[in-house]
Amino acid sequence: MAHVIIDSCVGCKDTACVEVCPMDCIHPTGSEPGFDAADQLYINPDECIDCGLCPSECPVDAIFLDDELPQDKRHFIEINADWFKGRDDQP
């Protein structure tokens, strides 16, 4: 299981979740190239350990466990994973 960021983050990109993530799996961070161009933040499903710290830090309730996503938001599982595929600048 992993956490997933949905469209509530679009336009917000509050990085409070980044600060509490022990695995550094939420990107792009405010200091990374591409932060301004990104629509939202994304969680790397291969690195997320489901610690549960990030959802409570999100001011727009945009972070869910992948198996608890509403049906109409399930496509964000792939959106989050796809952001990390083939990235040369991946941390």
C-alpha atoms as a PDB file:
ATOM      1  CA  MET A   1       0.000   0.000   0.000  1.00  0.00           C
ATOM      2  CA  ALA A   2       1.049   3.562  -0.625  1.00  0.00           C
ATOM      3  CA  HIS A   3      -0.389   6.982  -0.205  1.00  0.00           C
ATOM      4  CA  VAL A   4      -1.592   8.925  -3.244  1.00  0.00           C
ATOM      5  CA  ILE A   5      -2.007  12.644  -3.825  1.00  0.00           C
ATOM      6  CA  ILE A   6      -5.147  13.661  -5.708  1.00  0.00           C
ATOM      7  CA  ASP A   7      -6.299  16.785  -7.538  1.00  0.00           C
ATOM      8  CA  SER A   8      -7.068  18.755  -4.378  1.00  0.00           C
ATOM      9  CA  CYS A   9      -3.336  19.480  -4.411  1.00  0.00           C
ATOM     10  CA  VAL A  10      -3.464  21.100  -7.862  1.00  0.00           C
ATOM     11  CA  GLY A  11      -2.656  24.762  -7.449  1.00  0.00           C
ATOM     12  CA  CYS A  12      -1.908  24.345  -3.745  1.00  0.00           C
ATOM     13  CA  LYS A  13       1.342  22.365  -3.568  1.00  0.00           C
ATOM     14  CA  ASP A  14       1.701  23.006   0.154  1.00  0.00           C
ATOM     15  CA  THR A  15       4.879  21.192   1.171  1.00  0.00           C
ATOM     16  CA  ALA A  16       3.989  20.409   4.784  1.00  0.00           C
ATOM     17  CA  CYS A  17       3.671  16.764   3.756  1.00  0.00           C
ATOM     18  CA  VAL A  18       7.206  16.821   2.337  1.00  0.00           C
ATOM     19  CA  GLU A  19       8.587  17.970   5.676  1.00  0.00           C
ATOM     20  CA  VAL A  20       7.157  15.007   7.621  1.00  0.00           C
ATOM     21  CA  CYS A  21       7.907  12.248   5.115  1.00  0.00           C
ATOM     22  CA  PRO A  22      10.636   9.993   6.577  1.00  0.00           C
ATOM     23  CA  MET A  23      11.298   8.390   3.172  1.00  0.00           C
ATOM     24  CA  ASP A  24      11.623  11.600   1.136  1.00  0.00           C
ATOM     25  CA  CYS A  25       9.169  10.167  -1.386  1.00  0.00           C
ATOM     26  CA  ILE A  26       7.004  13.256  -2.025  1.00  0.00           C
ATOM     27  CA  HIS A  27       8.138  15.374  -4.946  1.00  0.00           C
ATOM     28  CA  PRO A  28       8.829  17.832  -6.351  1.00  0.00           C
ATOM     29  CA  THR A  29       9.925  19.708  -3.268  1.00  0.00           C
ATOM     30  CA  GLY A  30       9.988  23.477  -3.267  1.00  0.00           C
ATOM     31  CA  SER A  31      13.723  23.508  -3.900  1.00  0.00           C
ATOM     32  CA  GLU A  32      13.714  21.020  -6.799  1.00  0.00           C
ATOM     33  CA  PRO A  33      13.771  21.925 -10.468  1.00  0.00           C
ATOM     34  CA  GLY A  34      10.310  21.615 -11.915  1.00  0.00           C
ATOM     35  CA  PHE A  35       8.432  22.588  -8.759  1.00  0.00           C
ATOM     36  CA  ASP A  36       6.881  25.657 -10.368  1.00  0.00           C
ATOM     37  CA  ALA A  37       5.894  23.735 -13.509  1.00  0.00           C
ATOM     38  CA  ALA A  38       4.342  20.789 -11.655  1.00  0.00           C
ATOM     39  CA  ASP A  39       0.570  20.851 -11.246  1.00  0.00           C
ATOM     40  CA  GLN A  40       0.719  19.110  -7.886  1.00  0.00           C
ATOM     41  CA  LEU A  41       2.952  17.061  -5.610  1.00  0.00           C
ATOM     42  CA  TYR A  42       3.306  13.302  -6.128  1.00  0.00           C
ATOM     43  CA  ILE A  43       4.123  10.326  -3.913  1.00  0.00           C
ATOM     44  CA  ASN A  44       6.484   7.648  -5.192  1.00  0.00           C
ATOM     45  CA  PRO A  45       4.598   4.378  -4.607  1.00  0.00           C
ATOM     46  CA  ASP A  46       7.817   2.367  -4.684  1.00  0.00           C
ATOM     47  CA  GLU A  47       9.242   4.317  -1.741  1.00  0.00           C
ATOM     48  CA  CYS A  48       6.172   5.100   0.387  1.00  0.00           C
ATOM     49  CA  ILE A  49       6.120   2.987   3.560  1.00  0.00           C
ATOM     50  CA  ASP A  50       2.561   3.933   4.547  1.00  0.00           C
ATOM     51  CA  CYS A  51       3.704   5.610   7.759  1.00  0.00           C
ATOM     52  CA  GLY A  52       0.566   7.753   7.809  1.00  0.00           C
ATOM     53  CA  LEU A  53       2.265  11.060   8.642  1.00  0.00           C
ATOM     54  CA  CYS A  54       1.475  12.999   5.470  1.00  0.00           C
ATOM     55  CA  PRO A  55      -2.364  12.973   5.320  1.00  0.00           C
ATOM     56  CA  SER A  56      -2.776  14.921   8.549  1.00  0.00           C
ATOM     57  CA  GLU A  57      -0.336  17.590   7.347  1.00  0.00           C
ATOM     58  CA  CYS A  58      -2.183  18.266   4.095  1.00  0.00           C
ATOM     59  CA  PRO A  59      -4.290  21.434   4.384  1.00  0.00           C
ATOM     60  CA  VAL A  60      -6.530  20.431   1.452  1.00  0.00           C
ATOM     61  CA  ASP A  61      -7.111  16.737   2.301  1.00  0.00           C
ATOM     62  CA  ALA A  62      -5.430  15.567  -0.902  1.00  0.00           C
ATOM     63  CA  ILE A  63      -3.622  12.474   0.442  1.00  0.00           C
ATOM     64  CA  PHE A  64      -5.234   9.043   0.687  1.00  0.00           C
ATOM     65  CA  LEU A  65      -4.181   5.434   0.996  1.00  0.00           C
ATOM     66  CA  ASP A  66      -4.409   3.925  -2.463  1.00  0.00           C
ATOM     67  CA  ASP A  67      -7.018   1.368  -1.408  1.00  0.00           C
ATOM     68  CA  GLU A  68      -9.159   4.068   0.259  1.00  0.00           C
ATOM     69  CA  LEU A  69      -9.420   6.368  -2.740  1.00  0.00           C
ATOM     70  CA  PRO A  70     -12.917   7.235  -3.922  1.00  0.00           C
ATOM     71  CA  GLN A  71     -13.661   5.414  -7.183  1.00  0.00           C
ATOM     72  CA  ASP A  72     -13.589   8.637  -9.211  1.00  0.00           C
ATOM     73  CA  LYS A  73     -10.050   9.386  -7.922  1.00  0.00           C
ATOM     74  CA  ARG A  74      -8.453   5.966  -8.483  1.00  0.00           C
ATOM     75  CA  HIS A  75      -6.726   7.180 -11.648  1.00  0.00           C
ATOM     76  CA  PHE A  76      -4.444   9.246  -9.402  1.00  0.00           C
ATOM     77  CA  ILE A  77      -2.644   6.026  -8.418  1.00  0.00           C
ATOM     78  CA  GLU A  78      -1.269   5.897 -11.953  1.00  0.00           C
ATOM     79  CA  ILE A  79      -0.759   9.668 -12.175  1.00  0.00           C
ATOM     80  CA  ASN A  80       1.456   9.616  -9.070  1.00  0.00           C
ATOM     81  CA  ALA A  81       3.441   6.565 -10.243  1.00  0.00           C
ATOM     82  CA  ASP A  82       3.849   7.941 -13.768  1.00  0.00           C
ATOM     83  CA  TRP A  83       5.434  11.160 -12.516  1.00  0.00           C
ATOM     84  CA  PHE A  84       8.419   9.142 -11.265  1.00  0.00           C
ATOM     85  CA  LYS A  85       8.874   6.903 -14.325  1.00  0.00           C
ATOM     86  CA  GLY A  86      11.985   7.684 -16.350  1.00  0.00           C
ATOM     87  CA  ARG A  87      12.857  10.834 -14.439  1.00  0.00           C
ATOM     88  CA  ASP A  88      16.516  11.740 -14.739  1.00  0.00           C
ATOM     89  CA  ASP A  89      16.114  14.297 -11.947  1.00  0.00           C
ATOM     90  CA  GLN A  90      14.440  11.829  -9.582  1.00  0.00           C
ATOM     91  CA  PRO A  91      15.932  12.198  -6.116  1.00  0.00           C
END
